Amino acid sequence: MSPEKKAHDTAAPEVLGRWIRRWAGAPEAGATAPAPALGALDEALRRPGRSREAAEALLASDALLTDLVEAAADQEDPGAVLDELAALIARRGEG
């Protein structure tokens, strides 16, 4: 397997794009701030159980968090960025 970096396709499927806009607003493409992802995660946590809305919010958060993790790999100290992101996510479950 080649260590070359893969090109990232930032285009989300249409349905996921709608969920992201609904639950997280309209974050900029390539945004590195965690607020939209965490906002969508908060929405999912406010809707416990197996509801469609909770699932949509969770999937939107997952997509945005995945982008943040991928962006962290390009940082000078990816471990520190990932530690900070993990701490922000962990605090969501404490409330």
C-alpha atoms as a PDB file:
ATOM      1  CA  MET A   1       0.000   0.000   0.000  1.00  0.00           C
ATOM      2  CA  SER A   2       1.390   3.368  -0.987  1.00  0.00           C
ATOM      3  CA  PRO A   3       2.007   5.955   1.757  1.00  0.00           C
ATOM      4  CA  GLU A   4       0.864   8.651  -0.664  1.00  0.00           C
ATOM      5  CA  LYS A   5      -1.953  10.791   0.620  1.00  0.00           C
ATOM      6  CA  LYS A   6      -5.303  10.089  -0.983  1.00  0.00           C
ATOM      7  CA  ALA A   7      -7.235  12.971  -2.461  1.00  0.00           C
ATOM      8  CA  HIS A   8     -10.286  13.729  -0.352  1.00  0.00           C
ATOM      9  CA  ASP A   9     -13.619  14.129  -2.064  1.00  0.00           C
ATOM     10  CA  THR A  10     -15.433  16.720   0.050  1.00  0.00           C
ATOM     11  CA  ALA A  11     -18.760  16.308  -1.723  1.00  0.00           C
ATOM     12  CA  ALA A  12     -21.261  14.614   0.590  1.00  0.00           C
ATOM     13  CA  PRO A  13     -24.095  12.558  -0.845  1.00  0.00           C
ATOM     14  CA  GLU A  14     -27.172  14.750  -1.312  1.00  0.00           C
ATOM     15  CA  VAL A  15     -29.138  13.242   1.573  1.00  0.00           C
ATOM     16  CA  LEU A  16     -26.198  13.588   3.953  1.00  0.00           C
ATOM     17  CA  GLY A  17     -25.720  17.182   2.837  1.00  0.00           C
ATOM     18  CA  ARG A  18     -29.357  17.888   3.746  1.00  0.00           C
ATOM     19  CA  TRP A  19     -28.874  16.319   7.183  1.00  0.00           C
ATOM     20  CA  ILE A  20     -25.718  18.317   7.779  1.00  0.00           C
ATOM     21  CA  ARG A  21     -27.506  21.556   6.865  1.00  0.00           C
ATOM     22  CA  ARG A  22     -30.480  20.611   9.070  1.00  0.00           C
ATOM     23  CA  TRP A  23     -28.555  19.551  12.170  1.00  0.00           C
ATOM     24  CA  ALA A  24     -25.306  21.502  11.909  1.00  0.00           C
ATOM     25  CA  GLY A  25     -26.128  24.501   9.758  1.00  0.00           C
ATOM     26  CA  ALA A  26     -24.010  25.042   6.677  1.00  0.00           C
ATOM     27  CA  PRO A  27     -20.381  24.583   7.667  1.00  0.00           C
ATOM     28  CA  GLU A  28     -17.784  25.748   5.177  1.00  0.00           C
ATOM     29  CA  ALA A  29     -16.233  23.082   2.995  1.00  0.00           C
ATOM     30  CA  GLY A  30     -12.963  22.086   4.595  1.00  0.00           C
ATOM     31  CA  ALA A  31     -13.832  23.828   7.869  1.00  0.00           C
ATOM     32  CA  THR A  32     -11.589  22.808  10.741  1.00  0.00           C
ATOM     33  CA  ALA A  33     -13.711  24.121  13.617  1.00  0.00           C
ATOM     34  CA  PRO A  34     -15.527  21.397  15.573  1.00  0.00           C
ATOM     35  CA  ALA A  35     -18.626  23.482  16.437  1.00  0.00           C
ATOM     36  CA  PRO A  36     -20.897  22.192  13.621  1.00  0.00           C
ATOM     37  CA  ALA A  37     -19.986  18.558  14.287  1.00  0.00           C
ATOM     38  CA  LEU A  38     -20.482  18.967  18.023  1.00  0.00           C
ATOM     39  CA  GLY A  39     -23.771  20.806  17.479  1.00  0.00           C
ATOM     40  CA  ALA A  40     -25.094  17.901  15.424  1.00  0.00           C
ATOM     41  CA  LEU A  41     -23.856  15.472  18.096  1.00  0.00           C
ATOM     42  CA  ASP A  42     -25.681  17.482  20.764  1.00  0.00           C
ATOM     43  CA  GLU A  43     -28.867  17.224  18.706  1.00  0.00           C
ATOM     44  CA  ALA A  44     -28.470  13.440  18.490  1.00  0.00           C
ATOM     45  CA  LEU A  45     -27.919  13.198  22.251  1.00  0.00           C
ATOM     46  CA  ARG A  46     -31.085  15.224  22.897  1.00  0.00           C
ATOM     47  CA  ARG A  47     -33.087  12.577  21.037  1.00  0.00           C
ATOM     48  CA  PRO A  48     -32.393   9.284  22.804  1.00  0.00           C
ATOM     49  CA  GLY A  49     -33.738   6.090  21.333  1.00  0.00           C
ATOM     50  CA  ARG A  50     -34.111   4.902  17.807  1.00  0.00           C
ATOM     51  CA  SER A  51     -35.679   7.915  16.156  1.00  0.00           C
ATOM     52  CA  ARG A  52     -34.989   8.901  12.567  1.00  0.00           C
ATOM     53  CA  GLU A  53     -34.092  12.435  13.683  1.00  0.00           C
ATOM     54  CA  ALA A  54     -31.499  11.150  16.162  1.00  0.00           C
ATOM     55  CA  ALA A  55     -29.984   8.927  13.480  1.00  0.00           C
ATOM     56  CA  GLU A  56     -29.810  11.767  10.966  1.00  0.00           C
ATOM     57  CA  ALA A  57     -28.164  14.099  13.479  1.00  0.00           C
ATOM     58  CA  LEU A  58     -25.688  11.395  14.488  1.00  0.00           C
ATOM     59  CA  LEU A  59     -24.781  10.636  10.866  1.00  0.00           C
ATOM     60  CA  ALA A  60     -24.316  14.352  10.153  1.00  0.00           C
ATOM     61  CA  SER A  61     -22.045  14.632  13.177  1.00  0.00           C
ATOM     62  CA  ASP A  62     -20.129  11.535  12.112  1.00  0.00           C
ATOM     63  CA  ALA A  63     -19.500  12.958   8.639  1.00  0.00           C
ATOM     64  CA  LEU A  64     -18.284  16.270  10.031  1.00  0.00           C
ATOM     65  CA  LEU A  65     -16.119  14.597  12.690  1.00  0.00           C
ATOM     66  CA  THR A  66     -14.597  12.360  10.025  1.00  0.00           C
ATOM     67  CA  ASP A  67     -13.580  15.467   8.080  1.00  0.00           C
ATOM     68  CA  LEU A  68     -12.010  16.930  11.232  1.00  0.00           C
ATOM     69  CA  VAL A  69     -10.029  13.753  11.907  1.00  0.00           C
ATOM     70  CA  GLU A  70      -8.819  13.708   8.327  1.00  0.00           C
ATOM     71  CA  ALA A  71      -7.812  17.383   8.572  1.00  0.00           C
ATOM     72  CA  ALA A  72      -5.940  16.644  11.813  1.00  0.00           C
ATOM     73  CA  ALA A  73      -3.664  14.295   9.914  1.00  0.00           C
ATOM     74  CA  ASP A  74      -2.356  17.299   7.998  1.00  0.00           C
ATOM     75  CA  GLN A  75      -1.478  19.267  11.132  1.00  0.00           C
ATOM     76  CA  GLU A  76       2.009  19.578  12.593  1.00  0.00           C
ATOM     77  CA  ASP A  77       0.925  17.686  15.740  1.00  0.00           C
ATOM     78  CA  PRO A  78      -2.031  15.487  14.780  1.00  0.00           C
ATOM     79  CA  GLY A  79      -2.032  13.760  18.163  1.00  0.00           C
ATOM     80  CA  ALA A  80      -2.669  16.999  20.025  1.00  0.00           C
ATOM     81  CA  VAL A  81      -5.477  17.965  17.653  1.00  0.00           C
ATOM     82  CA  LEU A  82      -7.087  14.530  17.997  1.00  0.00           C
ATOM     83  CA  ASP A  83      -6.718  14.593  21.806  1.00  0.00           C
ATOM     84  CA  GLU A  84      -8.507  17.942  21.924  1.00  0.00           C
ATOM     85  CA  LEU A  85     -11.264  16.706  19.631  1.00  0.00           C
ATOM     86  CA  ALA A  86     -11.717  13.515  21.681  1.00  0.00           C
ATOM     87  CA  ALA A  87     -11.968  15.577  24.877  1.00  0.00           C
ATOM     88  CA  LEU A  88     -14.643  17.788  23.324  1.00  0.00           C
ATOM     89  CA  ILE A  89     -16.636  14.726  22.260  1.00  0.00           C
ATOM     90  CA  ALA A  90     -16.264  13.038  25.660  1.00  0.00           C
ATOM     91  CA  ARG A  91     -17.646  16.091  27.453  1.00  0.00           C
ATOM     92  CA  ARG A  92     -20.848  15.741  25.406  1.00  0.00           C
ATOM     93  CA  GLY A  93     -21.711  12.524  27.235  1.00  0.00           C
ATOM     94  CA  GLU A  94     -21.148  14.003  30.698  1.00  0.00           C
ATOM     95  CA  GLY A  95     -24.071  16.409  30.613  1.00  0.00           C
END
